[in-house]
Structure formats: C-alpha cells, structure tokens
Amino acid sequence: MLPLSSPTNPTNQEFHRYRKLVAWTSSILVALGSLYLLLSVAVSLQRQRNVVLEDRISAQLTAKEIGGCFEDLRDVSVALEKHLENAYHLLGGYDSEEARRWSSEGEVWRNRWRVFGGRCRLAEPRTELANKDMEAMAAAYDELGSIQTTYSRELLRFGSELAPRLDRINKRVDEIGERLAAPGSPAGANP
C-alpha cells in the first residue's frame, strides 16, 4: 500500500490538477472583478464631472419625457442634499483643502442642475407651461438653485465671521482647563 503523500499516488495528481484549476479560475475571477470595479469607478467619475447633455424635451411633452425630467429632478435633488450634508466637515474649523473640495462639489452640482434645467426647459423664462407637473418641476428647480446659493452664502459667512470666534473661544476654554488641571492651582481661583 502506497502512502498518501507519495508523489506516485494517482489521487494526489488528480487533486493537483483540481487545485491548479481552482487557483486559475479564482485568479481570473478576481482579475475580472477588479477590472470591472475600476472601470465602473472611472465611468461614474467621468459622468459626474462631465454631465452628458441629452436631447432637450420636445414642445409636445410626451409622458416619457416628463417621466425622464422627474427622474432627473429627483437625482439633482438627492445630489444637492448629499452635497449640503457634506458641509458639516467645514463646521469644525476652517480647513482650506476641505473648503476647496466642498466648493468643487458645489460646482459639479451646479453644472448638473443647469444641464437638467436646460434639457427639461425649466431654465427658460416661462409664461405658463402646458403641464401642471412641469410647472411644479419648474418651481422645484428654481427652489433648488435658491437653496444651494443661500446655503453656500451662509456657510461662507460662518467660515469668515463665526468660525474664527469659535476658535478663539475654544482656545480660551482649553487654557482655562489647563490652568485648572495644573497641580497646586485651586479650582475656581481667579486667573
């Protein structure tokens, strides 16, 4: 009887082929998965930076066009919400790199918003749109732009006026805490 670890054992050669097949198959799947992931990230970044201007909706307003405009409105609205939520990074203190990144995101959103308005004819001066849904979308479009402008303006005001004051207060509080924590310094003594 041959030992199991013997190189002449026929079952060991069979398992060797099987292990080699599994190794190659898993390597190929990992490589394809990684390639797909990199490609999808690249495409999404390209789409985010370079919004594709689709055809403008027709003057007759088909149901499909109205539905497409609604989907675009929802996407632009969600994107603005996410952009504004990212502003909390700026509230902890002024960081020029973080402010630059947030401002760049704002420009990307503004570009998407403009493209959406042009494609769905919401940016044009309107007398009266033929469809109530389009009128509601036009009002939402205007309001989204106003919200983004107001929020950005207030955030800039916070950064220039209030953030330095908060930084000074935080430094004072830290200094007081250090004095009180120092050995031999009685709590509540006059500084």
N, C-alpha and C. Protein backbone atom coordinates (compact mmCIF):
# COMPACT_ATOMS: atom_id res chain seq x y z
N MET A 1 0.84 -1.17 0.00
CA MET A 1 0.00 0.00 0.00
C MET A 1 0.89 1.25 0.00
N LEU A 2 0.61 2.20 -0.89
CA LEU A 2 1.39 3.42 -1.01
C LEU A 2 0.91 4.46 0.01
N PRO A 3 1.83 5.19 0.59
CA PRO A 3 1.41 6.27 1.49
C PRO A 3 0.69 7.37 0.70
N LEU A 4 -0.18 8.12 1.38
CA LEU A 4 -0.98 9.15 0.70
C LEU A 4 -0.14 10.31 0.18
N SER A 5 0.96 10.59 0.81
CA SER A 5 1.78 11.73 0.39
C SER A 5 2.79 11.37 -0.70
N SER A 6 2.74 10.19 -1.18
CA SER A 6 3.68 9.75 -2.20
C SER A 6 3.38 10.46 -3.52
N PRO A 7 4.42 10.95 -4.21
CA PRO A 7 4.21 11.63 -5.49
C PRO A 7 3.70 10.69 -6.58
N THR A 8 3.83 9.40 -6.38
CA THR A 8 3.36 8.46 -7.40
C THR A 8 1.91 8.08 -7.17
N ASN A 9 1.30 8.58 -6.13
CA ASN A 9 -0.09 8.26 -5.84
C ASN A 9 -0.96 8.94 -6.90
N PRO A 10 -1.81 8.18 -7.63
CA PRO A 10 -2.61 8.77 -8.70
C PRO A 10 -3.65 9.77 -8.19
N THR A 11 -4.17 9.59 -7.00
CA THR A 11 -5.17 10.54 -6.49
C THR A 11 -4.53 11.89 -6.18
N ASN A 12 -3.25 11.89 -5.78
CA ASN A 12 -2.55 13.14 -5.50
C ASN A 12 -2.40 13.95 -6.78
N GLN A 13 -2.15 13.31 -7.90
CA GLN A 13 -2.03 14.00 -9.18
C GLN A 13 -3.39 14.56 -9.60
N GLU A 14 -4.44 13.83 -9.31
CA GLU A 14 -5.78 14.30 -9.65
C GLU A 14 -6.12 15.56 -8.85
N PHE A 15 -5.80 15.56 -7.57
CA PHE A 15 -6.05 16.74 -6.74
C PHE A 15 -5.16 17.90 -7.17
N HIS A 16 -3.97 17.61 -7.64
CA HIS A 16 -3.08 18.67 -8.09
C HIS A 16 -3.71 19.40 -9.27
N ARG A 17 -4.27 18.66 -10.21
CA ARG A 17 -4.93 19.28 -11.37
C ARG A 17 -6.13 20.11 -10.90
N TYR A 18 -6.87 19.56 -9.96
CA TYR A 18 -8.05 20.25 -9.45
C TYR A 18 -7.65 21.55 -8.74
N ARG A 19 -6.61 21.49 -7.92
CA ARG A 19 -6.15 22.69 -7.23
C ARG A 19 -5.65 23.74 -8.22
N LYS A 20 -4.98 23.30 -9.25
CA LYS A 20 -4.48 24.22 -10.26
C LYS A 20 -5.65 24.88 -11.00
N LEU A 21 -6.67 24.11 -11.32
CA LEU A 21 -7.86 24.63 -11.99
C LEU A 21 -8.57 25.65 -11.10
N VAL A 22 -8.73 25.33 -9.83
CA VAL A 22 -9.39 26.25 -8.90
C VAL A 22 -8.57 27.53 -8.74
N ALA A 23 -7.27 27.41 -8.65
CA ALA A 23 -6.40 28.58 -8.50
C ALA A 23 -6.51 29.49 -9.72
N TRP A 24 -6.44 28.93 -10.91
CA TRP A 24 -6.55 29.73 -12.13
C TRP A 24 -7.94 30.36 -12.25
N THR A 25 -8.97 29.59 -11.96
CA THR A 25 -10.33 30.11 -12.07
C THR A 25 -10.54 31.26 -11.09
N SER A 26 -10.11 31.08 -9.86
CA SER A 26 -10.30 32.15 -8.88
C SER A 26 -9.45 33.37 -9.24
N SER A 27 -8.26 33.17 -9.76
CA SER A 27 -7.42 34.30 -10.17
C SER A 27 -8.07 35.08 -11.30
N ILE A 28 -8.63 34.36 -12.26
CA ILE A 28 -9.30 35.03 -13.39
C ILE A 28 -10.52 35.80 -12.90
N LEU A 29 -11.30 35.20 -12.01
CA LEU A 29 -12.49 35.88 -11.49
C LEU A 29 -12.11 37.12 -10.68
N VAL A 30 -11.08 37.04 -9.89
CA VAL A 30 -10.62 38.21 -9.12
C VAL A 30 -10.14 39.30 -10.06
N ALA A 31 -9.40 38.93 -11.08
CA ALA A 31 -8.89 39.91 -12.05
C ALA A 31 -10.05 40.58 -12.79
N LEU A 32 -11.04 39.80 -13.23
CA LEU A 32 -12.18 40.36 -13.93
C LEU A 32 -13.00 41.26 -13.01
N GLY A 33 -13.19 40.83 -11.77
CA GLY A 33 -13.93 41.64 -10.81
C GLY A 33 -13.23 42.95 -10.53
N SER A 34 -11.92 42.91 -10.37
CA SER A 34 -11.15 44.14 -10.13
C SER A 34 -11.21 45.07 -11.34
N LEU A 35 -11.11 44.50 -12.52
CA LEU A 35 -11.20 45.31 -13.73
C LEU A 35 -12.57 45.96 -13.86
N TYR A 36 -13.62 45.21 -13.57
CA TYR A 36 -14.97 45.75 -13.62
C TYR A 36 -15.15 46.87 -12.60
N LEU A 37 -14.64 46.69 -11.39
CA LEU A 37 -14.74 47.71 -10.36
C LEU A 37 -14.02 48.98 -10.78
N LEU A 38 -12.80 48.86 -11.28
CA LEU A 38 -12.05 50.04 -11.72
C LEU A 38 -12.74 50.75 -12.87
N LEU A 39 -13.27 49.97 -13.80
CA LEU A 39 -13.97 50.55 -14.93
C LEU A 39 -15.23 51.28 -14.49
N SER A 40 -16.00 50.69 -13.58
CA SER A 40 -17.23 51.35 -13.13
C SER A 40 -16.93 52.63 -12.35
N VAL A 41 -15.86 52.64 -11.56
CA VAL A 41 -15.48 53.85 -10.84
C VAL A 41 -15.06 54.94 -11.84
N ALA A 42 -14.29 54.56 -12.83
CA ALA A 42 -13.85 55.53 -13.83
C ALA A 42 -15.03 56.12 -14.59
N VAL A 43 -15.97 55.28 -14.98
CA VAL A 43 -17.14 55.75 -15.72
C VAL A 43 -17.99 56.67 -14.84
N SER A 44 -18.20 56.30 -13.58
CA SER A 44 -19.02 57.15 -12.72
C SER A 44 -18.34 58.49 -12.45
N LEU A 45 -17.01 58.50 -12.29
CA LEU A 45 -16.30 59.77 -12.11
C LEU A 45 -16.39 60.63 -13.37
N GLN A 46 -16.26 59.99 -14.52
CA GLN A 46 -16.35 60.74 -15.77
C GLN A 46 -17.75 61.33 -15.92
N ARG A 47 -18.78 60.55 -15.61
CA ARG A 47 -20.15 61.06 -15.74
C ARG A 47 -20.42 62.17 -14.74
N GLN A 48 -19.86 62.05 -13.55
CA GLN A 48 -20.08 63.07 -12.53
C GLN A 48 -19.43 64.38 -12.94
N ARG A 49 -18.24 64.33 -13.51
CA ARG A 49 -17.53 65.54 -13.89
C ARG A 49 -18.03 66.11 -15.21
N ASN A 50 -18.41 65.25 -16.15
CA ASN A 50 -18.84 65.69 -17.47
C ASN A 50 -20.26 65.21 -17.72
N VAL A 51 -21.21 66.01 -17.31
CA VAL A 51 -22.60 65.63 -17.46
C VAL A 51 -22.93 65.59 -18.94
N VAL A 52 -23.52 64.49 -19.37
CA VAL A 52 -23.87 64.33 -20.77
C VAL A 52 -25.16 65.10 -21.04
N LEU A 53 -25.12 66.00 -21.98
CA LEU A 53 -26.29 66.78 -22.33
C LEU A 53 -27.14 65.97 -23.31
N GLU A 54 -28.23 65.48 -22.78
CA GLU A 54 -29.14 64.70 -23.63
C GLU A 54 -29.98 65.67 -24.45
N ASP A 55 -30.79 65.13 -25.33
CA ASP A 55 -31.66 65.96 -26.15
C ASP A 55 -32.67 66.69 -25.28
N ARG A 56 -32.97 67.89 -25.67
CA ARG A 56 -33.99 68.65 -24.94
C ARG A 56 -35.34 68.03 -25.19
N ILE A 57 -36.22 68.21 -24.23
CA ILE A 57 -37.56 67.66 -24.40
C ILE A 57 -38.28 68.44 -25.50
N SER A 58 -39.21 67.78 -26.12
CA SER A 58 -39.95 68.42 -27.21
C SER A 58 -41.00 69.36 -26.64
N ALA A 59 -41.53 70.19 -27.50
CA ALA A 59 -42.57 71.13 -27.07
C ALA A 59 -43.88 70.41 -26.80
N GLN A 60 -44.05 69.19 -27.35
CA GLN A 60 -45.29 68.45 -27.17
C GLN A 60 -45.35 67.71 -25.82
N LEU A 61 -44.25 67.56 -25.13
CA LEU A 61 -44.18 66.92 -23.81
C LEU A 61 -44.85 65.55 -23.78
N THR A 62 -44.09 64.55 -24.14
CA THR A 62 -44.61 63.19 -24.04
C THR A 62 -44.49 62.72 -22.59
N ALA A 63 -45.24 61.68 -22.27
CA ALA A 63 -45.23 61.13 -20.91
C ALA A 63 -43.83 60.62 -20.56
N LYS A 64 -43.14 60.05 -21.54
CA LYS A 64 -41.78 59.55 -21.30
C LYS A 64 -40.83 60.69 -20.96
N GLU A 65 -40.96 61.82 -21.66
CA GLU A 65 -40.11 62.98 -21.40
C GLU A 65 -40.38 63.56 -20.01
N ILE A 66 -41.64 63.64 -19.64
CA ILE A 66 -41.99 64.16 -18.32
C ILE A 66 -41.45 63.23 -17.24
N GLY A 67 -41.56 61.93 -17.46
CA GLY A 67 -41.01 60.95 -16.52
C GLY A 67 -39.50 61.07 -16.40
N GLY A 68 -38.84 61.28 -17.54
CA GLY A 68 -37.39 61.46 -17.54
C GLY A 68 -36.98 62.72 -16.78
N CYS A 69 -37.72 63.80 -16.98
CA CYS A 69 -37.43 65.04 -16.26
C CYS A 69 -37.65 64.85 -14.76
N PHE A 70 -38.68 64.10 -14.39
CA PHE A 70 -38.92 63.84 -12.97
C PHE A 70 -37.76 63.05 -12.36
N GLU A 71 -37.27 62.04 -13.08
CA GLU A 71 -36.14 61.26 -12.57
C GLU A 71 -34.90 62.15 -12.42
N ASP A 72 -34.69 63.03 -13.40
CA ASP A 72 -33.56 63.96 -13.30
C ASP A 72 -33.73 64.90 -12.12
N LEU A 73 -34.96 65.38 -11.90
CA LEU A 73 -35.23 66.27 -10.77
C LEU A 73 -34.93 65.56 -9.46
N ARG A 74 -35.36 64.32 -9.36
CA ARG A 74 -35.09 63.56 -8.14
C ARG A 74 -33.59 63.38 -7.93
N ASP A 75 -32.87 63.05 -9.00
CA ASP A 75 -31.41 62.86 -8.89
C ASP A 75 -30.70 64.15 -8.47
N VAL A 76 -31.09 65.26 -9.06
CA VAL A 76 -30.47 66.55 -8.73
C VAL A 76 -30.81 66.94 -7.29
N SER A 77 -32.03 66.66 -6.87
CA SER A 77 -32.44 66.98 -5.51
C SER A 77 -31.66 66.16 -4.48
N VAL A 78 -31.52 64.87 -4.73
CA VAL A 78 -30.76 63.99 -3.82
C VAL A 78 -29.30 64.39 -3.81
N ALA A 79 -28.76 64.74 -4.97
CA ALA A 79 -27.35 65.15 -5.05
C ALA A 79 -27.12 66.43 -4.25
N LEU A 80 -28.06 67.37 -4.30
CA LEU A 80 -27.92 68.59 -3.51
C LEU A 80 -27.97 68.28 -2.02
N GLU A 81 -28.88 67.42 -1.64
CA GLU A 81 -28.98 67.05 -0.22
C GLU A 81 -27.68 66.43 0.28
N LYS A 82 -27.11 65.53 -0.51
CA LYS A 82 -25.84 64.92 -0.11
C LYS A 82 -24.72 65.95 -0.05
N HIS A 83 -24.71 66.86 -1.01
CA HIS A 83 -23.68 67.91 -1.03
C HIS A 83 -23.79 68.79 0.21
N LEU A 84 -25.00 69.18 0.57
CA LEU A 84 -25.18 70.04 1.73
C LEU A 84 -24.86 69.30 3.03
N GLU A 85 -25.15 68.01 3.07
CA GLU A 85 -24.82 67.23 4.26
C GLU A 85 -23.31 67.15 4.46
N ASN A 86 -22.54 67.17 3.37
CA ASN A 86 -21.08 67.11 3.46
C ASN A 86 -20.47 68.39 4.03
N ALA A 87 -21.28 69.43 4.20
CA ALA A 87 -20.76 70.70 4.71
C ALA A 87 -20.41 70.61 6.19
N TYR A 88 -20.90 69.59 6.90
CA TYR A 88 -20.60 69.51 8.33
C TYR A 88 -19.11 69.38 8.58
N HIS A 89 -18.34 68.91 7.61
CA HIS A 89 -16.89 68.84 7.77
C HIS A 89 -16.28 70.24 7.93
N LEU A 90 -16.95 71.23 7.37
CA LEU A 90 -16.42 72.58 7.41
C LEU A 90 -16.77 73.29 8.72
N LEU A 91 -17.71 72.77 9.47
CA LEU A 91 -18.16 73.46 10.66
C LEU A 91 -17.23 73.28 11.85
N GLY A 92 -16.39 72.25 11.84
CA GLY A 92 -15.49 72.00 12.96
C GLY A 92 -14.33 72.98 13.02
N GLY A 93 -14.04 73.64 11.98
CA GLY A 93 -12.92 74.57 11.90
C GLY A 93 -12.60 74.77 10.44
N TYR A 94 -11.92 75.82 10.15
CA TYR A 94 -11.66 76.13 8.75
C TYR A 94 -10.46 75.35 8.24
N ASP A 95 -10.70 74.56 7.21
CA ASP A 95 -9.64 73.81 6.54
C ASP A 95 -9.74 74.16 5.06
N SER A 96 -8.72 74.83 4.53
CA SER A 96 -8.80 75.34 3.15
C SER A 96 -8.96 74.22 2.14
N GLU A 97 -8.30 73.08 2.38
CA GLU A 97 -8.41 71.96 1.43
C GLU A 97 -9.83 71.39 1.42
N GLU A 98 -10.41 71.25 2.61
CA GLU A 98 -11.78 70.75 2.72
C GLU A 98 -12.76 71.75 2.09
N ALA A 99 -12.54 73.03 2.30
CA ALA A 99 -13.39 74.06 1.71
C ALA A 99 -13.30 74.03 0.19
N ARG A 100 -12.10 73.82 -0.33
CA ARG A 100 -11.90 73.77 -1.78
C ARG A 100 -12.62 72.55 -2.36
N ARG A 101 -12.53 71.40 -1.66
CA ARG A 101 -13.19 70.19 -2.12
C ARG A 101 -14.71 70.38 -2.12
N TRP A 102 -15.23 70.98 -1.06
CA TRP A 102 -16.67 71.19 -0.96
C TRP A 102 -17.14 72.16 -2.05
N SER A 103 -16.36 73.19 -2.30
CA SER A 103 -16.70 74.15 -3.35
C SER A 103 -16.70 73.49 -4.73
N SER A 104 -15.74 72.62 -4.96
CA SER A 104 -15.67 71.89 -6.22
C SER A 104 -16.89 70.99 -6.40
N GLU A 105 -17.29 70.33 -5.32
CA GLU A 105 -18.52 69.52 -5.39
C GLU A 105 -19.72 70.39 -5.72
N GLY A 106 -19.74 71.59 -5.16
CA GLY A 106 -20.85 72.52 -5.44
C GLY A 106 -20.90 72.91 -6.90
N GLU A 107 -19.75 73.10 -7.50
CA GLU A 107 -19.72 73.44 -8.93
C GLU A 107 -20.20 72.27 -9.79
N VAL A 108 -19.84 71.05 -9.39
CA VAL A 108 -20.32 69.87 -10.11
C VAL A 108 -21.84 69.80 -10.02
N TRP A 109 -22.37 70.03 -8.80
CA TRP A 109 -23.83 70.01 -8.65
C TRP A 109 -24.47 71.11 -9.47
N ARG A 110 -23.91 72.32 -9.42
CA ARG A 110 -24.46 73.46 -10.18
C ARG A 110 -24.51 73.14 -11.67
N ASN A 111 -23.47 72.48 -12.17
CA ASN A 111 -23.43 72.10 -13.58
C ASN A 111 -24.54 71.10 -13.89
N ARG A 112 -24.71 70.09 -13.05
CA ARG A 112 -25.80 69.11 -13.25
C ARG A 112 -27.15 69.81 -13.23
N TRP A 113 -27.32 70.75 -12.32
CA TRP A 113 -28.57 71.48 -12.17
C TRP A 113 -28.86 72.30 -13.43
N ARG A 114 -27.84 72.98 -13.96
CA ARG A 114 -28.02 73.77 -15.18
C ARG A 114 -28.37 72.89 -16.38
N VAL A 115 -27.66 71.77 -16.51
CA VAL A 115 -27.93 70.86 -17.63
C VAL A 115 -29.35 70.33 -17.54
N PHE A 116 -29.75 69.93 -16.35
CA PHE A 116 -31.11 69.44 -16.15
C PHE A 116 -32.13 70.51 -16.52
N GLY A 117 -31.91 71.75 -16.07
CA GLY A 117 -32.83 72.84 -16.39
C GLY A 117 -32.91 73.11 -17.88
N GLY A 118 -31.77 73.04 -18.55
CA GLY A 118 -31.77 73.27 -20.00
C GLY A 118 -32.44 72.14 -20.76
N ARG A 119 -32.17 70.92 -20.35
CA ARG A 119 -32.76 69.77 -21.04
C ARG A 119 -34.27 69.72 -20.88
N CYS A 120 -34.75 70.04 -19.71
CA CYS A 120 -36.18 69.96 -19.45
C CYS A 120 -36.88 71.30 -19.64
N ARG A 121 -36.16 72.27 -20.18
CA ARG A 121 -36.69 73.60 -20.48
C ARG A 121 -37.21 74.31 -19.23
N LEU A 122 -36.58 74.06 -18.10
CA LEU A 122 -37.00 74.69 -16.85
C LEU A 122 -36.27 75.99 -16.60
N ALA A 123 -35.14 76.18 -17.28
CA ALA A 123 -34.35 77.39 -17.09
C ALA A 123 -34.83 78.53 -17.97
N GLU A 124 -35.71 78.22 -18.89
CA GLU A 124 -36.20 79.26 -19.80
C GLU A 124 -37.25 80.12 -19.11
N PRO A 125 -37.35 81.39 -19.54
CA PRO A 125 -38.43 82.21 -18.99
C PRO A 125 -39.77 81.56 -19.36
N ARG A 126 -40.64 81.46 -18.41
CA ARG A 126 -41.88 80.76 -18.69
C ARG A 126 -43.07 81.68 -18.52
N THR A 127 -43.97 81.50 -19.39
CA THR A 127 -45.24 82.20 -19.24
C THR A 127 -46.19 81.25 -18.50
N GLU A 128 -46.49 80.16 -19.14
CA GLU A 128 -47.28 79.13 -18.48
C GLU A 128 -46.99 77.82 -19.19
N LEU A 129 -46.58 76.84 -18.42
CA LEU A 129 -46.28 75.55 -19.01
C LEU A 129 -47.59 74.80 -19.25
N ALA A 130 -47.57 73.96 -20.27
CA ALA A 130 -48.78 73.24 -20.67
C ALA A 130 -49.14 72.13 -19.69
N ASN A 131 -48.25 71.79 -18.80
CA ASN A 131 -48.46 70.65 -17.92
C ASN A 131 -48.25 71.07 -16.47
N LYS A 132 -49.19 70.71 -15.61
CA LYS A 132 -49.08 71.07 -14.18
C LYS A 132 -47.85 70.44 -13.54
N ASP A 133 -47.53 69.21 -13.94
CA ASP A 133 -46.35 68.56 -13.38
C ASP A 133 -45.08 69.32 -13.76
N MET A 134 -45.03 69.81 -14.99
CA MET A 134 -43.85 70.57 -15.41
C MET A 134 -43.78 71.91 -14.67
N GLU A 135 -44.94 72.51 -14.37
CA GLU A 135 -44.93 73.74 -13.57
C GLU A 135 -44.38 73.47 -12.18
N ALA A 136 -44.80 72.36 -11.58
CA ALA A 136 -44.30 72.00 -10.25
C ALA A 136 -42.80 71.71 -10.30
N MET A 137 -42.35 71.04 -11.37
CA MET A 137 -40.92 70.76 -11.51
C MET A 137 -40.13 72.05 -11.70
N ALA A 138 -40.70 73.01 -12.43
CA ALA A 138 -40.02 74.28 -12.64
C ALA A 138 -39.88 75.03 -11.31
N ALA A 139 -40.91 74.99 -10.48
CA ALA A 139 -40.83 75.63 -9.17
C ALA A 139 -39.77 74.95 -8.30
N ALA A 140 -39.74 73.62 -8.32
CA ALA A 140 -38.74 72.88 -7.55
C ALA A 140 -37.34 73.18 -8.07
N TYR A 141 -37.20 73.29 -9.38
CA TYR A 141 -35.91 73.62 -9.99
C TYR A 141 -35.39 74.96 -9.48
N ASP A 142 -36.26 75.97 -9.51
CA ASP A 142 -35.87 77.30 -9.03
C ASP A 142 -35.50 77.26 -7.55
N GLU A 143 -36.30 76.55 -6.77
CA GLU A 143 -36.06 76.48 -5.33
C GLU A 143 -34.75 75.76 -5.00
N LEU A 144 -34.43 74.72 -5.75
CA LEU A 144 -33.16 74.01 -5.52
C LEU A 144 -31.98 74.95 -5.73
N GLY A 145 -32.02 75.73 -6.80
CA GLY A 145 -30.94 76.68 -7.05
C GLY A 145 -30.84 77.72 -5.95
N SER A 146 -31.98 78.19 -5.48
CA SER A 146 -32.00 79.19 -4.41
C SER A 146 -31.46 78.61 -3.10
N ILE A 147 -31.84 77.39 -2.79
CA ILE A 147 -31.35 76.74 -1.56
C ILE A 147 -29.84 76.59 -1.60
N GLN A 148 -29.31 76.13 -2.73
CA GLN A 148 -27.86 75.93 -2.83
C GLN A 148 -27.12 77.26 -2.69
N THR A 149 -27.63 78.30 -3.31
CA THR A 149 -26.99 79.62 -3.22
C THR A 149 -27.02 80.14 -1.79
N THR A 150 -28.19 80.06 -1.16
CA THR A 150 -28.34 80.55 0.22
C THR A 150 -27.45 79.77 1.18
N TYR A 151 -27.45 78.47 1.07
CA TYR A 151 -26.67 77.63 1.97
C TYR A 151 -25.18 77.92 1.81
N SER A 152 -24.74 78.03 0.58
CA SER A 152 -23.32 78.32 0.33
C SER A 152 -22.94 79.69 0.89
N ARG A 153 -23.81 80.67 0.69
CA ARG A 153 -23.53 82.03 1.18
C ARG A 153 -23.43 82.02 2.72
N GLU A 154 -24.37 81.34 3.37
CA GLU A 154 -24.35 81.29 4.84
C GLU A 154 -23.15 80.51 5.37
N LEU A 155 -22.76 79.47 4.66
CA LEU A 155 -21.60 78.71 5.08
C LEU A 155 -20.33 79.55 4.95
N LEU A 156 -20.23 80.32 3.88
CA LEU A 156 -19.09 81.23 3.73
C LEU A 156 -19.08 82.28 4.83
N ARG A 157 -20.26 82.78 5.19
CA ARG A 157 -20.35 83.75 6.28
C ARG A 157 -19.90 83.11 7.59
N PHE A 158 -20.32 81.88 7.82
CA PHE A 158 -19.89 81.18 9.02
C PHE A 158 -18.37 81.05 9.04
N GLY A 159 -17.81 80.66 7.91
CA GLY A 159 -16.36 80.47 7.83
C GLY A 159 -15.58 81.76 8.05
N SER A 160 -16.12 82.87 7.57
CA SER A 160 -15.37 84.12 7.69
C SER A 160 -15.66 84.88 8.98
N GLU A 161 -16.86 84.75 9.54
CA GLU A 161 -17.21 85.53 10.73
C GLU A 161 -17.27 84.70 12.01
N LEU A 162 -17.95 83.59 11.96
CA LEU A 162 -18.21 82.85 13.20
C LEU A 162 -17.14 81.83 13.55
N ALA A 163 -16.57 81.18 12.57
CA ALA A 163 -15.56 80.14 12.84
C ALA A 163 -14.35 80.71 13.59
N PRO A 164 -13.82 81.88 13.20
CA PRO A 164 -12.69 82.42 13.97
C PRO A 164 -13.06 82.72 15.43
N ARG A 165 -14.28 83.23 15.64
CA ARG A 165 -14.73 83.49 17.01
C ARG A 165 -14.83 82.20 17.81
N LEU A 166 -15.37 81.15 17.18
CA LEU A 166 -15.47 79.86 17.87
C LEU A 166 -14.08 79.30 18.17
N ASP A 167 -13.14 79.48 17.26
CA ASP A 167 -11.77 79.02 17.51
C ASP A 167 -11.16 79.74 18.71
N ARG A 168 -11.37 81.07 18.79
CA ARG A 168 -10.85 81.83 19.94
C ARG A 168 -11.49 81.35 21.24
N ILE A 169 -12.78 81.11 21.23
CA ILE A 169 -13.47 80.62 22.43
C ILE A 169 -12.92 79.26 22.84
N ASN A 170 -12.73 78.38 21.86
CA ASN A 170 -12.20 77.05 22.17
C ASN A 170 -10.80 77.13 22.77
N LYS A 171 -9.96 78.04 22.27
CA LYS A 171 -8.62 78.21 22.82
C LYS A 171 -8.69 78.72 24.26
N ARG A 172 -9.58 79.68 24.51
CA ARG A 172 -9.74 80.18 25.87
C ARG A 172 -10.19 79.09 26.82
N VAL A 173 -11.15 78.29 26.40
CA VAL A 173 -11.65 77.19 27.23
C VAL A 173 -10.53 76.20 27.51
N ASP A 174 -9.73 75.89 26.49
CA ASP A 174 -8.60 74.96 26.70
C ASP A 174 -7.60 75.54 27.69
N GLU A 175 -7.29 76.84 27.58
CA GLU A 175 -6.35 77.48 28.50
C GLU A 175 -6.88 77.44 29.93
N ILE A 176 -8.14 77.71 30.11
CA ILE A 176 -8.75 77.67 31.44
C ILE A 176 -8.67 76.24 31.99
N GLY A 177 -8.97 75.27 31.16
CA GLY A 177 -8.91 73.87 31.59
C GLY A 177 -7.50 73.47 31.99
N GLU A 178 -6.49 73.94 31.25
CA GLU A 178 -5.09 73.62 31.59
C GLU A 178 -4.70 74.25 32.92
N ARG A 179 -5.13 75.50 33.15
CA ARG A 179 -4.81 76.16 34.42
C ARG A 179 -5.48 75.45 35.59
N LEU A 180 -6.70 75.04 35.39
CA LEU A 180 -7.41 74.35 36.48
C LEU A 180 -6.84 72.95 36.73
N ALA A 181 -6.31 72.32 35.70
CA ALA A 181 -5.76 70.98 35.85
C ALA A 181 -4.33 70.99 36.37
N ALA A 182 -3.69 72.15 36.39
CA ALA A 182 -2.30 72.25 36.85
C ALA A 182 -2.24 71.95 38.35
N PRO A 183 -1.19 71.21 38.77
CA PRO A 183 -1.06 70.91 40.21
C PRO A 183 -0.86 72.21 41.00
N GLY A 184 -1.55 72.29 42.14
CA GLY A 184 -1.41 73.45 43.01
C GLY A 184 -2.30 74.61 42.60
N SER A 185 -3.06 74.44 41.54
CA SER A 185 -3.96 75.51 41.12
C SER A 185 -5.35 75.18 41.66
N PRO A 186 -5.84 75.99 42.62
CA PRO A 186 -7.14 75.67 43.20
C PRO A 186 -8.25 75.93 42.18
N ALA A 187 -9.20 75.01 42.14
CA ALA A 187 -10.35 75.17 41.22
C ALA A 187 -11.14 76.38 41.65
N GLY A 188 -11.47 77.20 40.71
CA GLY A 188 -12.29 78.37 41.00
C GLY A 188 -11.48 79.60 41.37
N ALA A 189 -10.16 79.54 41.40
CA ALA A 189 -9.34 80.71 41.73
C ALA A 189 -9.34 81.67 40.56
N ASN A 190 -9.13 82.93 40.86
CA ASN A 190 -9.09 83.93 39.81
C ASN A 190 -7.83 83.76 38.96
N PRO A 191 -7.94 83.84 37.66
CA PRO A 191 -6.76 83.65 36.80
C PRO A 191 -5.81 84.80 36.84
